[in-house]
Amino acid sequence: MMNKKVMIITGAGLAIGLAEALIYYNLGKNSKSEKFKFQVPKGNELVKTAGIVLLTSVATAALSNIIESSLETNTTSLVTA
């Protein structure tokens, strides 16, 4: 089971990552138009984008958890030495 910190990091990463992906999507879609129009990808493209963002958010949370655990272990061993 995921701990609370991993879930928080994943959720925050998902929200920020999806917002970032939509910004990049719109920059690309509007690169040749004079007037900026906000768009959301439709169908399969939206599912792929959300899936990639979710995957990277979970990876970020897992890596953060591993690094934090490693630092806590190193700090504990230094204190008891």
C-alpha atoms as a PDB file:
ATOM      1  CA  MET A   1       0.000   0.000   0.000  1.00  0.00           C
ATOM      2  CA  MET A   2       1.247   3.500  -0.849  1.00  0.00           C
ATOM      3  CA  ASN A   3       2.006   5.795   2.035  1.00  0.00           C
ATOM      4  CA  LYS A   4       0.410   9.219   2.367  1.00  0.00           C
ATOM      5  CA  LYS A   5       3.506  11.113   1.187  1.00  0.00           C
ATOM      6  CA  VAL A   6       3.732   9.097  -2.038  1.00  0.00           C
ATOM      7  CA  MET A   7       0.036   9.723  -2.716  1.00  0.00           C
ATOM      8  CA  ILE A   8       0.441  13.474  -2.101  1.00  0.00           C
ATOM      9  CA  ILE A   9       3.492  13.722  -4.364  1.00  0.00           C
ATOM     10  CA  THR A  10       1.741  11.678  -7.060  1.00  0.00           C
ATOM     11  CA  GLY A  11      -1.385  13.851  -6.882  1.00  0.00           C
ATOM     12  CA  ALA A  12       0.553  17.097  -6.967  1.00  0.00           C
ATOM     13  CA  GLY A  13       2.734  15.802  -9.796  1.00  0.00           C
ATOM     14  CA  LEU A  14      -0.345  14.742 -11.733  1.00  0.00           C
ATOM     15  CA  ALA A  15      -2.027  18.148 -11.347  1.00  0.00           C
ATOM     16  CA  ILE A  16       1.077  20.167 -12.189  1.00  0.00           C
ATOM     17  CA  GLY A  17       2.206  17.765 -14.921  1.00  0.00           C
ATOM     18  CA  LEU A  18      -1.174  17.787 -16.658  1.00  0.00           C
ATOM     19  CA  ALA A  19      -1.269  21.600 -16.528  1.00  0.00           C
ATOM     20  CA  GLU A  20       2.252  21.709 -17.995  1.00  0.00           C
ATOM     21  CA  ALA A  21       1.321  19.211 -20.720  1.00  0.00           C
ATOM     22  CA  LEU A  22      -1.718  21.315 -21.676  1.00  0.00           C
ATOM     23  CA  ILE A  23       0.446  24.444 -21.870  1.00  0.00           C
ATOM     24  CA  TYR A  24       2.925  22.706 -24.199  1.00  0.00           C
ATOM     25  CA  TYR A  25       0.058  21.237 -26.238  1.00  0.00           C
ATOM     26  CA  ASN A  26      -1.464  24.690 -26.704  1.00  0.00           C
ATOM     27  CA  LEU A  27       1.855  26.314 -27.528  1.00  0.00           C
ATOM     28  CA  GLY A  28       2.291  23.762 -30.307  1.00  0.00           C
ATOM     29  CA  LYS A  29      -1.305  24.042 -31.560  1.00  0.00           C
ATOM     30  CA  ASN A  30      -1.138  27.845 -31.624  1.00  0.00           C
ATOM     31  CA  SER A  31       2.385  28.250 -32.986  1.00  0.00           C
ATOM     32  CA  LYS A  32       1.169  29.251 -36.453  1.00  0.00           C
ATOM     33  CA  SER A  33      -1.985  31.165 -35.553  1.00  0.00           C
ATOM     34  CA  GLU A  34      -2.233  34.849 -34.805  1.00  0.00           C
ATOM     35  CA  LYS A  35      -4.855  34.485 -32.070  1.00  0.00           C
ATOM     36  CA  PHE A  36      -4.233  32.132 -29.123  1.00  0.00           C
ATOM     37  CA  LYS A  37      -7.028  29.623 -28.572  1.00  0.00           C
ATOM     38  CA  PHE A  38      -6.931  27.261 -25.563  1.00  0.00           C
ATOM     39  CA  GLN A  39      -7.665  23.655 -26.531  1.00  0.00           C
ATOM     40  CA  VAL A  40      -7.746  20.301 -24.763  1.00  0.00           C
ATOM     41  CA  PRO A  41      -6.661  17.196 -26.667  1.00  0.00           C
ATOM     42  CA  LYS A  42      -9.534  14.890 -27.488  1.00  0.00           C
ATOM     43  CA  GLY A  43     -10.044  11.157 -27.134  1.00  0.00           C
ATOM     44  CA  ASN A  44      -7.013   8.912 -27.392  1.00  0.00           C
ATOM     45  CA  GLU A  45      -4.538  11.812 -27.373  1.00  0.00           C
ATOM     46  CA  LEU A  46      -5.891  13.029 -24.009  1.00  0.00           C
ATOM     47  CA  VAL A  47      -5.754   9.486 -22.573  1.00  0.00           C
ATOM     48  CA  LYS A  48      -2.129   9.057 -23.728  1.00  0.00           C
ATOM     49  CA  THR A  49      -1.128  12.436 -22.304  1.00  0.00           C
ATOM     50  CA  ALA A  50      -2.795  11.760 -18.946  1.00  0.00           C
ATOM     51  CA  GLY A  51      -1.239   8.275 -18.838  1.00  0.00           C
ATOM     52  CA  ILE A  52       2.273   9.595 -19.434  1.00  0.00           C
ATOM     53  CA  VAL A  53       1.801  12.317 -16.804  1.00  0.00           C
ATOM     54  CA  LEU A  54       0.443   9.755 -14.315  1.00  0.00           C
ATOM     55  CA  LEU A  55       3.363   7.404 -14.977  1.00  0.00           C
ATOM     56  CA  THR A  56       5.951  10.149 -14.468  1.00  0.00           C
ATOM     57  CA  SER A  57       4.141  11.372 -11.330  1.00  0.00           C
ATOM     58  CA  VAL A  58       4.221   7.884  -9.796  1.00  0.00           C
ATOM     59  CA  ALA A  59       7.897   7.530 -10.754  1.00  0.00           C
ATOM     60  CA  THR A  60       8.703  10.898  -9.157  1.00  0.00           C
ATOM     61  CA  ALA A  61       6.883   9.946  -5.955  1.00  0.00           C
ATOM     62  CA  ALA A  62       8.600   6.554  -5.796  1.00  0.00           C
ATOM     63  CA  LEU A  63      12.036   8.064  -6.388  1.00  0.00           C
ATOM     64  CA  SER A  64      11.385  10.761  -3.767  1.00  0.00           C
ATOM     65  CA  ASN A  65      10.375   8.075  -1.282  1.00  0.00           C
ATOM     66  CA  ILE A  66      13.529   6.030  -2.005  1.00  0.00           C
ATOM     67  CA  ILE A  67      15.776   9.083  -1.638  1.00  0.00           C
ATOM     68  CA  GLU A  68      14.054  10.173   1.591  1.00  0.00           C
ATOM     69  CA  SER A  69      14.364   6.665   3.065  1.00  0.00           C
ATOM     70  CA  SER A  70      18.030   6.538   2.103  1.00  0.00           C
ATOM     71  CA  LEU A  71      18.711   9.907   3.720  1.00  0.00           C
ATOM     72  CA  GLU A  72      16.877   8.885   6.898  1.00  0.00           C
ATOM     73  CA  THR A  73      18.905   5.651   7.069  1.00  0.00           C
ATOM     74  CA  ASN A  74      22.176   7.525   6.560  1.00  0.00           C
ATOM     75  CA  THR A  75      21.252  10.135   9.169  1.00  0.00           C
ATOM     76  CA  THR A  76      20.269   7.456  11.699  1.00  0.00           C
ATOM     77  CA  SER A  77      23.538   5.547  11.176  1.00  0.00           C
ATOM     78  CA  LEU A  78      25.533   8.757  11.635  1.00  0.00           C
ATOM     79  CA  VAL A  79      23.741   9.580  14.896  1.00  0.00           C
ATOM     80  CA  THR A  80      24.290   6.115  16.368  1.00  0.00           C
ATOM     81  CA  ALA A  81      27.925   5.881  15.280  1.00  0.00           C
END
